[in-house]
Every structure is written in structure tokens, then in C-alpha cells.
């Protein structure tokens, strides 16, 4: 998968995520945006998972890594709360033992980032 986010800043900016496919763990919703800090970590993670693939297409490899992480996400809604607003992965050792948050914005799209990226 080729995208247009090569070498984005990793300073807390929010980038368009090129993978438009829906994620079963996110009730079929696609991830529309990813924060710069998470994207930088995904590229690094991808270099360990698939070194040749990450070298050839770092954005595609980062998308693949995020798709794997999203598969482990669960909805945080408790009984009586609206479902589908925040999904969280378990802490990921390769990401500094941080979880990934996937939150739904007011426009219905999902943004992926670290808890510290949430605004």
C-alpha cells in the first residue's frame, strides 16, 4: 500500500491515514487519522516485523502494523454507555508499553494515537 504520508512530523500532529478499509474490532469503521507520534512508532515497529517491506514502503508497513494493533482493541463502554466512542488496545511492549487509543470524533471518523495524544 502506497500513501502520501512519507516522513511526516512526529510532534503531535494528526495525519490522514491512507488505509481506508474497515476494522472488525472497530465495528467496521476505518481509521481516518493517526497522530504523528504513533505513526513514527508504527514505522519503527514495522521495521522489526517486516524489514524488507518497511524499507520498500514504510507507510504501507505502518498501516499493516496499525491494522494488527486495531484487531486487539476493545470498546471501553460500560453498561449503559454509548458504544463505539473509544477503543483501546492492551499496552504494547514495542511501543513503550503504551496502549493505542482509537477514538471516534464528532464527525464519526476514528483517530488512532497514544493516550497522551488525545485532545
C-alpha atoms as a PDB file:
ATOM      1  CA  UNK A   1       0.000   0.000   0.000  1.00  0.00           C
ATOM      2  CA  UNK A   2       1.468   3.330  -1.000  1.00  0.00           C
ATOM      3  CA  UNK A   3       0.445   6.572   0.649  1.00  0.00           C
ATOM      4  CA  UNK A   4       1.320  10.214   0.843  1.00  0.00           C
ATOM      5  CA  UNK A   5       2.438  10.436   4.472  1.00  0.00           C
ATOM      6  CA  UNK A   6       6.136   9.652   3.965  1.00  0.00           C
ATOM      7  CA  UNK A   7       8.326  11.407   6.531  1.00  0.00           C
ATOM      8  CA  UNK A   8       5.579  13.240   8.444  1.00  0.00           C
ATOM      9  CA  UNK A   9       6.384  15.196  11.573  1.00  0.00           C
ATOM     10  CA  UNK A  10       6.174  13.295  14.858  1.00  0.00           C
ATOM     11  CA  UNK A  11       5.335  16.305  17.010  1.00  0.00           C
ATOM     12  CA  UNK A  12       1.729  15.578  17.909  1.00  0.00           C
ATOM     13  CA  UNK A  13       0.253  16.493  14.562  1.00  0.00           C
ATOM     14  CA  UNK A  14      -2.626  14.464  13.166  1.00  0.00           C
ATOM     15  CA  UNK A  15      -2.141  12.905   9.741  1.00  0.00           C
ATOM     16  CA  UNK A  16      -4.536  11.370   7.253  1.00  0.00           C
ATOM     17  CA  UNK A  17      -4.337   7.594   7.457  1.00  0.00           C
ATOM     18  CA  UNK A  18      -4.159   6.031   3.985  1.00  0.00           C
ATOM     19  CA  UNK A  19      -5.751   2.667   4.876  1.00  0.00           C
ATOM     20  CA  UNK A  20      -9.461   3.187   4.200  1.00  0.00           C
ATOM     21  CA  UNK A  21     -10.505  -0.397   4.963  1.00  0.00           C
ATOM     22  CA  UNK A  22     -12.864  -1.003   7.861  1.00  0.00           C
ATOM     23  CA  UNK A  23     -11.693  -2.776  11.006  1.00  0.00           C
ATOM     24  CA  UNK A  24     -13.882  -5.516  12.522  1.00  0.00           C
ATOM     25  CA  UNK A  25     -12.757  -4.651  16.057  1.00  0.00           C
ATOM     26  CA  UNK A  26     -13.904  -1.053  15.475  1.00  0.00           C
ATOM     27  CA  UNK A  27     -17.431  -2.022  14.433  1.00  0.00           C
ATOM     28  CA  UNK A  28     -16.291  -1.942  10.796  1.00  0.00           C
ATOM     29  CA  UNK A  29     -15.146   1.683  10.904  1.00  0.00           C
ATOM     30  CA  UNK A  30     -11.957   2.728   9.110  1.00  0.00           C
ATOM     31  CA  UNK A  31      -9.202   4.666  10.830  1.00  0.00           C
ATOM     32  CA  UNK A  32      -9.201   8.112   9.184  1.00  0.00           C
ATOM     33  CA  UNK A  33      -6.331   9.760  11.057  1.00  0.00           C
ATOM     34  CA  UNK A  34      -3.244   8.805  13.040  1.00  0.00           C
ATOM     35  CA  UNK A  35      -1.194  11.036  15.312  1.00  0.00           C
ATOM     36  CA  UNK A  36       2.385  11.838  14.355  1.00  0.00           C
ATOM     37  CA  UNK A  37       3.915  10.200  17.459  1.00  0.00           C
ATOM     38  CA  UNK A  38       2.022   6.955  16.874  1.00  0.00           C
ATOM     39  CA  UNK A  39       2.830   6.941  13.166  1.00  0.00           C
ATOM     40  CA  UNK A  40       6.556   7.292  13.914  1.00  0.00           C
ATOM     41  CA  UNK A  41       6.359   4.356  16.344  1.00  0.00           C
ATOM     42  CA  UNK A  42       4.402   2.266  13.829  1.00  0.00           C
ATOM     43  CA  UNK A  43       7.112   2.771  11.206  1.00  0.00           C
ATOM     44  CA  UNK A  44       9.731   1.696  13.757  1.00  0.00           C
ATOM     45  CA  UNK A  45       7.640  -1.318  14.778  1.00  0.00           C
ATOM     46  CA  UNK A  46       7.184  -2.293  11.128  1.00  0.00           C
ATOM     47  CA  UNK A  47      10.959  -2.360  10.608  1.00  0.00           C
ATOM     48  CA  UNK A  48      11.082  -5.187  13.164  1.00  0.00           C
ATOM     49  CA  UNK A  49       8.057  -7.062  11.820  1.00  0.00           C
ATOM     50  CA  UNK A  50       8.926  -6.888   8.119  1.00  0.00           C
ATOM     51  CA  UNK A  51      12.290  -5.234   7.434  1.00  0.00           C
ATOM     52  CA  UNK A  52      12.180  -5.547   3.611  1.00  0.00           C
ATOM     53  CA  UNK A  53       8.556  -4.398   3.440  1.00  0.00           C
ATOM     54  CA  UNK A  54       9.174  -1.464   5.748  1.00  0.00           C
ATOM     55  CA  UNK A  55      12.221  -0.423   3.709  1.00  0.00           C
ATOM     56  CA  UNK A  56      10.272  -0.595   0.447  1.00  0.00           C
ATOM     57  CA  UNK A  57       7.048   1.043   1.703  1.00  0.00           C
ATOM     58  CA  UNK A  58       7.233   2.477   5.231  1.00  0.00           C
ATOM     59  CA  UNK A  59       3.699   3.893   5.057  1.00  0.00           C
ATOM     60  CA  UNK A  60       2.215   0.590   3.949  1.00  0.00           C
ATOM     61  CA  UNK A  61       4.122  -1.265   6.642  1.00  0.00           C
ATOM     62  CA  UNK A  62       2.903   1.228   9.261  1.00  0.00           C
ATOM     63  CA  UNK A  63      -0.679   0.659   8.047  1.00  0.00           C
ATOM     64  CA  UNK A  64      -0.210  -3.090   8.404  1.00  0.00           C
ATOM     65  CA  UNK A  65       1.142  -2.674  11.931  1.00  0.00           C
ATOM     66  CA  UNK A  66      -1.806  -0.476  12.930  1.00  0.00           C
ATOM     67  CA  UNK A  67      -4.257  -2.976  11.422  1.00  0.00           C
ATOM     68  CA  UNK A  68      -2.706  -5.696  13.640  1.00  0.00           C
ATOM     69  CA  UNK A  69      -2.969  -3.469  16.706  1.00  0.00           C
ATOM     70  CA  UNK A  70      -6.572  -2.474  15.934  1.00  0.00           C
ATOM     71  CA  UNK A  71      -7.516  -6.157  15.862  1.00  0.00           C
ATOM     72  CA  UNK A  72      -6.670  -6.312  19.578  1.00  0.00           C
ATOM     73  CA  UNK A  73      -8.686  -3.221  20.516  1.00  0.00           C
ATOM     74  CA  UNK A  74     -11.795  -3.419  22.660  1.00  0.00           C
ATOM     75  CA  UNK A  75     -14.645  -0.993  23.207  1.00  0.00           C
ATOM     76  CA  UNK A  76     -14.316   0.739  26.579  1.00  0.00           C
ATOM     77  CA  UNK A  77     -18.041   1.467  27.005  1.00  0.00           C
ATOM     78  CA  UNK A  78     -19.572   0.121  30.169  1.00  0.00           C
ATOM     79  CA  UNK A  79     -23.177  -0.945  30.642  1.00  0.00           C
ATOM     80  CA  UNK A  80     -25.488   1.943  29.829  1.00  0.00           C
ATOM     81  CA  UNK A  81     -22.820   3.972  27.988  1.00  0.00           C
ATOM     82  CA  UNK A  82     -22.768   4.660  24.261  1.00  0.00           C
ATOM     83  CA  UNK A  83     -20.673   2.075  22.464  1.00  0.00           C
ATOM     84  CA  UNK A  84     -18.101   2.820  19.777  1.00  0.00           C
ATOM     85  CA  UNK A  85     -16.626   6.062  21.126  1.00  0.00           C
ATOM     86  CA  UNK A  86     -13.288   4.766  22.447  1.00  0.00           C
ATOM     87  CA  UNK A  87     -11.442   1.557  21.653  1.00  0.00           C
ATOM     88  CA  UNK A  88      -8.212   0.661  23.458  1.00  0.00           C
ATOM     89  CA  UNK A  89      -5.506  -1.916  22.811  1.00  0.00           C
ATOM     90  CA  UNK A  90      -3.599  -3.637  25.582  1.00  0.00           C
ATOM     91  CA  UNK A  91      -0.239  -1.993  26.359  1.00  0.00           C
ATOM     92  CA  UNK A  92       2.237  -2.822  23.590  1.00  0.00           C
ATOM     93  CA  UNK A  93       5.799  -3.589  24.693  1.00  0.00           C
ATOM     94  CA  UNK A  94       7.261  -2.425  21.371  1.00  0.00           C
ATOM     95  CA  UNK A  95       5.500   0.931  21.782  1.00  0.00           C
ATOM     96  CA  UNK A  96       6.965   1.660  25.193  1.00  0.00           C
ATOM     97  CA  UNK A  97       4.321  -0.406  26.995  1.00  0.00           C
ATOM     98  CA  UNK A  98       1.702   2.119  25.935  1.00  0.00           C
ATOM     99  CA  UNK A  99      -1.770   1.236  24.703  1.00  0.00           C
ATOM    100  CA  UNK A 100      -3.152   2.660  21.480  1.00  0.00           C
ATOM    101  CA  UNK A 101      -6.389   4.614  21.725  1.00  0.00           C
ATOM    102  CA  UNK A 102      -8.787   4.718  18.794  1.00  0.00           C
ATOM    103  CA  UNK A 103     -11.395   7.407  19.380  1.00  0.00           C
ATOM    104  CA  UNK A 104     -14.400   8.425  17.343  1.00  0.00           C
ATOM    105  CA  UNK A 105     -14.694  12.125  16.650  1.00  0.00           C
ATOM    106  CA  UNK A 106     -17.876  14.145  16.384  1.00  0.00           C
ATOM    107  CA  UNK A 107     -17.800  13.579  12.616  1.00  0.00           C
ATOM    108  CA  UNK A 108     -17.871   9.797  13.193  1.00  0.00           C
ATOM    109  CA  UNK A 109     -14.322   9.134  11.999  1.00  0.00           C
ATOM    110  CA  UNK A 110     -11.701   7.300  14.045  1.00  0.00           C
ATOM    111  CA  UNK A 111      -8.319   8.714  15.048  1.00  0.00           C
ATOM    112  CA  UNK A 112      -5.549   6.474  16.373  1.00  0.00           C
ATOM    113  CA  UNK A 113      -2.968   7.714  18.830  1.00  0.00           C
ATOM    114  CA  UNK A 114      -1.447   7.340  22.252  1.00  0.00           C
ATOM    115  CA  UNK A 115      -3.451   8.419  25.309  1.00  0.00           C
ATOM    116  CA  UNK A 116      -1.168  11.468  25.625  1.00  0.00           C
ATOM    117  CA  UNK A 117      -2.109  12.479  22.051  1.00  0.00           C
ATOM    118  CA  UNK A 118      -5.831  12.681  22.812  1.00  0.00           C
ATOM    119  CA  UNK A 119      -7.223  16.217  22.629  1.00  0.00           C
END
